[in-house]
């Protein structure tokens, strides 16, 4: 894999996984500990509005560099790469659900100042984000360990 391709792939993975680390381990717990509705969901929606375009850019980098690397390697691609590709595709589907399901509902409800609906929609984001977080680290482990 050419260095530029690896760099693009790593940038995409670091931004996406790093953002999930920040959201799950720092921002969300702090927001729940320090802020009351409707301030808390407003902050979370503002952060997600800035983070989700970065996730889409990361997906572009990951898909572009990943497909190019797999195509270049052909049948010689290590099994870890193939596993990572499958997990990555699942992660994109989970993120699309997050973006176009609960997040969209939360944004609509926020425009109507319906904070209980916003809170429930944001709560529905949590489990899929945790799933993607776990899948991302499984993909990293597989690509490193399964050669």
N, C-alpha and C. Protein backbone atom coordinates (compact mmCIF):
# COMPACT_ATOMS: atom_id res chain seq x y z
N UNK A 1 0.85 -1.17 0.00
CA UNK A 1 0.00 0.00 0.00
C UNK A 1 0.90 1.24 0.00
N UNK A 2 0.72 2.12 -0.99
CA UNK A 2 1.54 3.33 -1.03
C UNK A 2 1.34 4.18 0.23
N UNK A 3 2.37 4.91 0.60
CA UNK A 3 2.34 5.70 1.83
C UNK A 3 1.19 6.71 1.84
N UNK A 4 0.92 7.37 0.70
CA UNK A 4 -0.16 8.37 0.66
C UNK A 4 -1.51 7.72 0.93
N UNK A 5 -1.68 6.48 0.44
CA UNK A 5 -2.94 5.75 0.63
C UNK A 5 -3.11 5.36 2.10
N UNK A 6 -2.03 4.90 2.69
CA UNK A 6 -2.06 4.54 4.11
C UNK A 6 -2.34 5.78 4.96
N UNK A 7 -1.69 6.89 4.63
CA UNK A 7 -1.92 8.13 5.37
C UNK A 7 -3.39 8.57 5.27
N UNK A 8 -3.96 8.53 4.08
CA UNK A 8 -5.37 8.91 3.91
C UNK A 8 -6.26 8.00 4.74
N UNK A 9 -5.96 6.71 4.74
CA UNK A 9 -6.76 5.75 5.50
C UNK A 9 -6.64 6.02 7.00
N UNK A 10 -5.42 6.26 7.46
CA UNK A 10 -5.22 6.53 8.88
C UNK A 10 -5.89 7.84 9.32
N UNK A 11 -5.82 8.86 8.49
CA UNK A 11 -6.48 10.13 8.83
C UNK A 11 -7.98 9.91 9.00
N UNK A 12 -8.58 9.19 8.05
CA UNK A 12 -10.02 8.92 8.15
C UNK A 12 -10.36 8.15 9.41
N UNK A 13 -9.60 7.12 9.72
CA UNK A 13 -9.87 6.30 10.90
C UNK A 13 -9.65 7.08 12.19
N UNK A 14 -8.59 7.86 12.24
CA UNK A 14 -8.28 8.62 13.46
C UNK A 14 -9.35 9.66 13.73
N UNK A 15 -9.78 10.37 12.70
CA UNK A 15 -10.82 11.39 12.90
C UNK A 15 -12.11 10.75 13.39
N UNK A 16 -12.54 9.68 12.74
CA UNK A 16 -13.81 9.05 13.10
C UNK A 16 -13.73 8.40 14.49
N UNK A 17 -12.73 7.55 14.70
CA UNK A 17 -12.62 6.89 16.00
C UNK A 17 -12.28 7.88 17.11
N UNK A 18 -11.42 8.83 16.82
CA UNK A 18 -11.08 9.83 17.82
C UNK A 18 -12.29 10.67 18.22
N UNK A 19 -13.11 11.01 17.25
CA UNK A 19 -14.32 11.75 17.56
C UNK A 19 -15.27 10.95 18.44
N UNK A 20 -15.37 9.65 18.17
CA UNK A 20 -16.23 8.82 19.01
C UNK A 20 -15.66 8.69 20.42
N UNK A 21 -14.34 8.58 20.55
CA UNK A 21 -13.72 8.55 21.88
C UNK A 21 -14.09 9.82 22.64
N UNK A 22 -13.92 10.96 22.00
CA UNK A 22 -14.22 12.24 22.64
C UNK A 22 -15.69 12.31 23.06
N UNK A 23 -16.59 11.94 22.14
CA UNK A 23 -18.03 12.02 22.43
C UNK A 23 -18.41 11.08 23.57
N UNK A 24 -17.97 9.82 23.49
CA UNK A 24 -18.40 8.82 24.47
C UNK A 24 -17.72 8.97 25.82
N UNK A 25 -16.45 9.32 25.82
CA UNK A 25 -15.70 9.33 27.08
C UNK A 25 -15.62 10.69 27.75
N UNK A 26 -15.80 11.76 26.99
CA UNK A 26 -15.61 13.09 27.57
C UNK A 26 -16.84 13.98 27.46
N UNK A 27 -17.27 14.27 26.25
CA UNK A 27 -18.33 15.27 26.07
C UNK A 27 -19.66 14.83 26.65
N UNK A 28 -20.13 13.65 26.26
CA UNK A 28 -21.45 13.20 26.72
C UNK A 28 -21.52 13.10 28.24
N UNK A 29 -20.55 12.42 28.90
CA UNK A 29 -20.63 12.36 30.37
C UNK A 29 -20.56 13.74 31.03
N UNK A 30 -19.73 14.62 30.49
CA UNK A 30 -19.64 15.97 31.06
C UNK A 30 -20.93 16.75 30.86
N UNK A 31 -21.52 16.63 29.68
CA UNK A 31 -22.78 17.33 29.41
C UNK A 31 -23.88 16.85 30.35
N UNK A 32 -23.95 15.54 30.59
CA UNK A 32 -24.97 15.03 31.50
C UNK A 32 -24.69 15.42 32.95
N UNK A 33 -23.43 15.54 33.32
CA UNK A 33 -23.09 15.91 34.69
C UNK A 33 -23.28 17.40 34.97
N UNK A 34 -23.08 18.24 33.96
CA UNK A 34 -23.03 19.68 34.20
C UNK A 34 -24.19 20.49 33.64
N UNK A 35 -24.90 19.97 32.66
CA UNK A 35 -25.91 20.77 31.97
C UNK A 35 -27.31 20.18 32.13
N UNK A 36 -28.29 21.06 32.14
CA UNK A 36 -29.69 20.66 32.22
C UNK A 36 -30.34 20.88 30.87
N UNK A 37 -31.43 20.14 30.61
CA UNK A 37 -32.19 20.43 29.39
C UNK A 37 -32.77 21.84 29.50
N UNK A 38 -32.88 22.60 28.44
CA UNK A 38 -32.54 22.25 27.07
C UNK A 38 -31.11 22.60 26.67
N UNK A 39 -30.28 23.05 27.61
CA UNK A 39 -28.90 23.40 27.27
C UNK A 39 -28.11 22.19 26.80
N UNK A 40 -28.27 21.07 27.49
CA UNK A 40 -27.50 19.86 27.14
C UNK A 40 -27.78 19.40 25.71
N UNK A 41 -29.05 19.19 25.32
CA UNK A 41 -29.26 18.75 23.93
C UNK A 41 -28.85 19.79 22.90
N UNK A 42 -28.96 21.06 23.24
CA UNK A 42 -28.49 22.10 22.29
C UNK A 42 -27.00 21.95 22.05
N UNK A 43 -26.24 21.76 23.12
CA UNK A 43 -24.79 21.58 22.97
C UNK A 43 -24.49 20.32 22.16
N UNK A 44 -25.13 19.21 22.51
CA UNK A 44 -24.85 17.96 21.80
C UNK A 44 -25.20 18.07 20.32
N UNK A 45 -26.34 18.70 20.00
CA UNK A 45 -26.70 18.87 18.59
C UNK A 45 -25.71 19.78 17.86
N UNK A 46 -25.24 20.82 18.53
CA UNK A 46 -24.26 21.72 17.90
C UNK A 46 -22.95 20.99 17.62
N UNK A 47 -22.53 20.15 18.56
CA UNK A 47 -21.29 19.38 18.38
C UNK A 47 -21.46 18.37 17.24
N UNK A 48 -22.59 17.66 17.25
CA UNK A 48 -22.83 16.66 16.19
C UNK A 48 -22.93 17.32 14.82
N UNK A 49 -23.50 18.52 14.75
CA UNK A 49 -23.61 19.22 13.47
C UNK A 49 -22.23 19.54 12.90
N UNK A 50 -21.25 19.69 13.76
CA UNK A 50 -19.89 19.95 13.30
C UNK A 50 -19.11 18.65 13.05
N UNK A 51 -19.43 17.62 13.85
CA UNK A 51 -18.69 16.36 13.75
C UNK A 51 -19.16 15.50 12.58
N UNK A 52 -20.45 15.46 12.30
CA UNK A 52 -20.94 14.55 11.27
C UNK A 52 -20.39 14.85 9.88
N UNK A 53 -20.20 16.10 9.46
CA UNK A 53 -19.53 16.31 8.17
C UNK A 53 -18.10 15.75 8.16
N UNK A 54 -17.42 15.80 9.31
CA UNK A 54 -16.08 15.22 9.39
C UNK A 54 -16.14 13.70 9.25
N UNK A 55 -17.21 13.10 9.79
CA UNK A 55 -17.37 11.65 9.64
C UNK A 55 -17.57 11.31 8.17
N UNK A 56 -18.42 12.08 7.47
CA UNK A 56 -18.63 11.80 6.04
C UNK A 56 -17.32 11.97 5.26
N UNK A 57 -16.53 12.98 5.60
CA UNK A 57 -15.23 13.15 4.93
C UNK A 57 -14.32 11.96 5.25
N UNK A 58 -14.36 11.50 6.50
CA UNK A 58 -13.57 10.33 6.89
C UNK A 58 -14.00 9.10 6.12
N UNK A 59 -15.31 8.93 5.98
CA UNK A 59 -15.83 7.79 5.21
C UNK A 59 -15.31 7.85 3.77
N UNK A 60 -15.30 9.05 3.20
CA UNK A 60 -14.76 9.20 1.84
C UNK A 60 -13.30 8.80 1.76
N UNK A 61 -12.51 9.25 2.73
CA UNK A 61 -11.09 8.87 2.75
C UNK A 61 -10.92 7.37 2.94
N UNK A 62 -11.68 6.81 3.87
CA UNK A 62 -11.56 5.38 4.16
C UNK A 62 -11.99 4.53 2.97
N UNK A 63 -13.12 4.87 2.38
CA UNK A 63 -13.60 4.10 1.23
C UNK A 63 -12.67 4.25 0.03
N UNK A 64 -12.27 5.48 -0.25
CA UNK A 64 -11.39 5.71 -1.40
C UNK A 64 -10.06 5.00 -1.27
N UNK A 65 -9.42 5.17 -0.14
CA UNK A 65 -8.11 4.54 0.06
C UNK A 65 -8.24 3.03 0.24
N UNK A 66 -9.30 2.59 0.91
CA UNK A 66 -9.50 1.16 1.13
C UNK A 66 -9.78 0.41 -0.16
N UNK A 67 -10.67 0.95 -0.97
CA UNK A 67 -10.99 0.29 -2.25
C UNK A 67 -9.75 0.28 -3.14
N UNK A 68 -9.01 1.39 -3.17
CA UNK A 68 -7.80 1.45 -3.99
C UNK A 68 -6.77 0.43 -3.51
N UNK A 69 -6.60 0.31 -2.20
CA UNK A 69 -5.63 -0.64 -1.66
C UNK A 69 -6.04 -2.08 -1.96
N UNK A 70 -7.33 -2.38 -1.78
CA UNK A 70 -7.80 -3.74 -2.08
C UNK A 70 -7.66 -4.06 -3.56
N UNK A 71 -7.98 -3.10 -4.40
CA UNK A 71 -7.85 -3.32 -5.85
C UNK A 71 -6.40 -3.54 -6.23
N UNK A 72 -5.50 -2.75 -5.65
CA UNK A 72 -4.08 -2.90 -5.96
C UNK A 72 -3.53 -4.24 -5.48
N UNK A 73 -4.01 -4.69 -4.32
CA UNK A 73 -3.51 -5.95 -3.76
C UNK A 73 -4.14 -7.16 -4.43
N UNK A 74 -5.36 -7.00 -4.91
CA UNK A 74 -6.05 -8.12 -5.56
C UNK A 74 -6.21 -9.29 -4.62
N UNK A 75 -5.95 -10.48 -5.12
CA UNK A 75 -6.12 -11.69 -4.31
C UNK A 75 -5.06 -11.82 -3.22
N UNK A 76 -4.03 -10.98 -3.29
CA UNK A 76 -2.98 -11.02 -2.27
C UNK A 76 -3.32 -10.19 -1.03
N UNK A 77 -4.51 -9.56 -1.03
CA UNK A 77 -4.90 -8.75 0.13
C UNK A 77 -4.99 -9.63 1.37
N UNK A 78 -4.39 -9.21 2.45
CA UNK A 78 -4.45 -10.00 3.69
C UNK A 78 -5.90 -10.16 4.17
N UNK A 79 -6.21 -11.25 4.86
CA UNK A 79 -7.58 -11.44 5.34
C UNK A 79 -8.04 -10.32 6.27
N UNK A 80 -7.11 -9.73 7.01
CA UNK A 80 -7.47 -8.62 7.90
C UNK A 80 -8.00 -7.43 7.12
N UNK A 81 -7.46 -7.19 5.93
CA UNK A 81 -7.97 -6.09 5.09
C UNK A 81 -9.40 -6.37 4.67
N UNK A 82 -9.65 -7.62 4.28
CA UNK A 82 -11.00 -7.98 3.84
C UNK A 82 -11.99 -7.87 4.99
N UNK A 83 -11.58 -8.31 6.18
CA UNK A 83 -12.44 -8.20 7.36
C UNK A 83 -12.69 -6.73 7.69
N UNK A 84 -11.64 -5.91 7.59
CA UNK A 84 -11.79 -4.49 7.86
C UNK A 84 -12.75 -3.86 6.86
N UNK A 85 -12.69 -4.25 5.62
CA UNK A 85 -13.59 -3.70 4.61
C UNK A 85 -15.05 -4.04 4.93
N UNK A 86 -15.29 -5.28 5.33
CA UNK A 86 -16.65 -5.70 5.67
C UNK A 86 -17.16 -4.94 6.90
N UNK A 87 -16.32 -4.83 7.91
CA UNK A 87 -16.70 -4.09 9.11
C UNK A 87 -16.91 -2.62 8.77
N UNK A 88 -16.05 -2.06 7.95
CA UNK A 88 -16.19 -0.66 7.54
C UNK A 88 -17.51 -0.41 6.83
N UNK A 89 -17.90 -1.33 5.96
CA UNK A 89 -19.19 -1.18 5.27
C UNK A 89 -20.34 -1.18 6.27
N UNK A 90 -20.26 -2.07 7.25
CA UNK A 90 -21.29 -2.10 8.30
C UNK A 90 -21.30 -0.80 9.09
N UNK A 91 -20.13 -0.27 9.40
CA UNK A 91 -20.04 0.99 10.14
C UNK A 91 -20.68 2.14 9.36
N UNK A 92 -20.49 2.16 8.05
CA UNK A 92 -21.10 3.21 7.23
C UNK A 92 -22.62 3.09 7.31
N UNK A 93 -23.14 1.88 7.25
CA UNK A 93 -24.59 1.68 7.34
C UNK A 93 -25.12 2.12 8.71
N UNK A 94 -24.40 1.79 9.76
CA UNK A 94 -24.81 2.22 11.11
C UNK A 94 -24.79 3.74 11.20
N UNK A 95 -23.74 4.36 10.66
CA UNK A 95 -23.68 5.82 10.72
C UNK A 95 -24.80 6.46 9.90
N UNK A 96 -25.11 5.89 8.74
CA UNK A 96 -26.22 6.42 7.94
C UNK A 96 -27.53 6.34 8.73
N UNK A 97 -27.74 5.24 9.46
CA UNK A 97 -28.92 5.14 10.32
C UNK A 97 -28.92 6.26 11.36
N UNK A 98 -27.77 6.48 12.00
CA UNK A 98 -27.67 7.54 13.02
C UNK A 98 -28.01 8.89 12.40
N UNK A 99 -27.39 9.20 11.28
CA UNK A 99 -27.54 10.50 10.62
C UNK A 99 -28.99 10.73 10.16
N UNK A 100 -29.56 9.74 9.49
CA UNK A 100 -30.86 9.94 8.85
C UNK A 100 -32.04 9.46 9.70
N UNK A 101 -31.74 8.88 10.86
CA UNK A 101 -32.79 8.43 11.77
C UNK A 101 -32.86 9.33 12.99
N UNK A 102 -32.27 8.90 14.11
CA UNK A 102 -32.41 9.66 15.35
C UNK A 102 -31.87 11.09 15.30
N UNK A 103 -30.75 11.29 14.63
CA UNK A 103 -30.19 12.64 14.57
C UNK A 103 -31.13 13.59 13.82
N UNK A 104 -31.64 13.15 12.70
CA UNK A 104 -32.59 13.97 11.94
C UNK A 104 -33.83 14.27 12.77
N UNK A 105 -34.33 13.27 13.49
CA UNK A 105 -35.49 13.48 14.35
C UNK A 105 -35.17 14.48 15.45
N UNK A 106 -34.00 14.38 16.04
CA UNK A 106 -33.61 15.31 17.10
C UNK A 106 -33.53 16.74 16.57
N UNK A 107 -32.98 16.92 15.39
CA UNK A 107 -32.87 18.27 14.82
C UNK A 107 -34.25 18.86 14.55
N UNK A 108 -35.16 18.04 14.00
CA UNK A 108 -36.53 18.53 13.75
C UNK A 108 -37.21 18.92 15.05
N UNK A 109 -37.08 18.08 16.05
CA UNK A 109 -37.71 18.36 17.34
C UNK A 109 -37.09 19.59 17.99
N UNK A 110 -35.80 19.80 17.80
CA UNK A 110 -35.14 20.99 18.37
C UNK A 110 -35.67 22.26 17.73
N UNK A 111 -35.93 22.22 16.42
CA UNK A 111 -36.50 23.40 15.75
C UNK A 111 -37.87 23.74 16.32
N UNK A 112 -38.59 22.71 16.78
CA UNK A 112 -39.91 22.93 17.37
C UNK A 112 -39.82 23.11 18.89
N UNK A 113 -38.60 23.12 19.43
CA UNK A 113 -38.36 23.25 20.87
C UNK A 113 -39.06 22.15 21.67
N UNK A 114 -39.16 20.97 21.10
CA UNK A 114 -39.77 19.82 21.77
C UNK A 114 -38.65 19.02 22.44
N UNK A 115 -38.18 19.50 23.58
CA UNK A 115 -36.99 18.97 24.22
C UNK A 115 -37.13 17.52 24.69
N UNK A 116 -38.31 17.08 25.15
CA UNK A 116 -38.41 15.65 25.48
C UNK A 116 -38.17 14.74 24.27
N UNK A 117 -38.68 15.12 23.10
CA UNK A 117 -38.45 14.33 21.88
C UNK A 117 -36.97 14.40 21.49
N UNK A 118 -36.37 15.58 21.61
CA UNK A 118 -34.94 15.72 21.32
C UNK A 118 -34.14 14.77 22.20
N UNK A 119 -34.44 14.78 23.49
CA UNK A 119 -33.72 13.93 24.43
C UNK A 119 -33.85 12.45 24.10
N UNK A 120 -35.06 12.02 23.76
CA UNK A 120 -35.26 10.61 23.41
C UNK A 120 -34.52 10.25 22.13
N UNK A 121 -34.55 11.15 21.14
CA UNK A 121 -33.85 10.89 19.88
C UNK A 121 -32.34 10.82 20.11
N UNK A 122 -31.82 11.74 20.91
CA UNK A 122 -30.38 11.70 21.19
C UNK A 122 -30.01 10.45 21.97
N UNK A 123 -30.89 10.00 22.85
CA UNK A 123 -30.62 8.77 23.59
C UNK A 123 -30.55 7.57 22.64
N UNK A 124 -31.37 7.59 21.59
CA UNK A 124 -31.35 6.50 20.60
C UNK A 124 -30.06 6.49 19.78
N UNK A 125 -29.32 7.60 19.78
CA UNK A 125 -28.03 7.65 19.09
C UNK A 125 -26.95 6.87 19.84
N UNK A 126 -27.09 6.79 21.13
CA UNK A 126 -26.00 6.30 21.97
C UNK A 126 -25.60 4.86 21.64
N UNK A 127 -26.55 3.95 21.59
CA UNK A 127 -26.22 2.54 21.33
C UNK A 127 -25.57 2.33 19.96
N UNK A 128 -26.11 2.95 18.87
CA UNK A 128 -25.42 2.76 17.58
C UNK A 128 -24.02 3.38 17.55
N UNK A 129 -23.81 4.48 18.27
CA UNK A 129 -22.47 5.06 18.34
C UNK A 129 -21.54 4.09 19.08
N UNK A 130 -22.02 3.51 20.17
CA UNK A 130 -21.22 2.53 20.90
C UNK A 130 -20.90 1.33 20.00
N UNK A 131 -21.88 0.89 19.22
CA UNK A 131 -21.65 -0.22 18.30
C UNK A 131 -20.56 0.15 17.29
N UNK A 132 -20.65 1.33 16.68
CA UNK A 132 -19.64 1.73 15.71
C UNK A 132 -18.27 1.88 16.36
N UNK A 133 -18.25 2.36 17.58
CA UNK A 133 -16.99 2.49 18.31
C UNK A 133 -16.35 1.11 18.47
N UNK A 134 -17.13 0.13 18.91
CA UNK A 134 -16.60 -1.22 19.08
C UNK A 134 -16.18 -1.82 17.74
N UNK A 135 -17.01 -1.65 16.72
CA UNK A 135 -16.67 -2.19 15.39
C UNK A 135 -15.38 -1.56 14.87
N UNK A 136 -15.21 -0.28 15.07
CA UNK A 136 -13.99 0.39 14.60
C UNK A 136 -12.74 -0.20 15.22
N UNK A 137 -12.79 -0.45 16.53
CA UNK A 137 -11.61 -1.00 17.18
C UNK A 137 -11.41 -2.46 16.84
N UNK A 138 -12.49 -3.19 16.59
CA UNK A 138 -12.35 -4.57 16.11
C UNK A 138 -11.67 -4.57 14.74
N UNK A 139 -12.07 -3.65 13.87
CA UNK A 139 -11.45 -3.56 12.54
C UNK A 139 -9.96 -3.25 12.66
N UNK A 140 -9.61 -2.31 13.54
CA UNK A 140 -8.20 -1.97 13.74
C UNK A 140 -7.43 -3.20 14.22
N UNK A 141 -7.99 -3.91 15.20
CA UNK A 141 -7.31 -5.09 15.73
C UNK A 141 -7.14 -6.16 14.65
N UNK A 142 -8.18 -6.39 13.86
CA UNK A 142 -8.10 -7.42 12.83
C UNK A 142 -7.05 -7.09 11.77
N UNK A 143 -7.01 -5.83 11.34
CA UNK A 143 -6.06 -5.49 10.28
C UNK A 143 -4.62 -5.58 10.78
N UNK A 144 -4.42 -5.33 12.06
CA UNK A 144 -3.07 -5.41 12.62
C UNK A 144 -2.68 -6.86 12.91
N UNK A 145 -3.63 -7.63 13.43
CA UNK A 145 -3.29 -8.97 13.92
C UNK A 145 -3.50 -10.09 12.90
N UNK A 146 -4.40 -9.89 11.94
CA UNK A 146 -4.74 -10.98 11.03
C UNK A 146 -4.11 -10.70 9.66
N UNK A 147 -2.93 -11.20 9.47
CA UNK A 147 -2.18 -10.94 8.24
C UNK A 147 -2.21 -12.13 7.38
